[in-house]
Amino acid sequence: MAYQAAVITVSDACSAGARTDTSGPAVCALLREAGYEVIYTATVPDERGLIARELRQCADGLRCDLTVTTGGTGLSPRDVTPEATRDVLEREIPAVAQAMLFESLKVTPRAMLSRAVAGTRGSCLIVNLPGSEKAARENLGAVLPTLAHGLKMLHGGGH
């Protein structure tokens, strides 16, 4: 089954046009290579309400199977993607974020500073990734092979 995905880049600089987004397009490419149809992309500033609104739109309005964010997961005062994500989640899936953390720690001890979360809203799986292209690729690569099985279960496909 081909799943539909959305990618939301969370970045003040990218949304203002002061920096070119490389992580969002890289995530889109990885998803397409894995067979996902990327039907929506957006870039928003680090504003909790705007992030939450985009996540709701992807899950409820567009009915995306998978929504991936990139950016806003660190310790900067403006990094609020995990909080915005928790605002819209119905069920959190801690092991997805933990799997990304475990793989990232093999690359850098700074990975322990990431606050990414993952969970579901309706039949949409939402996953936060870091903002750097390299880290976003590594984190998504750590969980991507398992996401299709999770989506199958989320859509009632059994165990």
Foldseek 3Di string as FASTA:
>chain_A
DAFEEEEEEEAPCVVVVNDPADQRVLVVVVSVVVRHHHPYYYYYYLDLVVLLVVVCCVCPVVVGQEYEYEALFADPPSSCNQVSVVVQAPFWDAVLLVQLLVQVVVVPVCSVRGRWTWHDHQNHTYTYFYRDNVRRVSSCVRCVVPVVVVSCVSVPVND
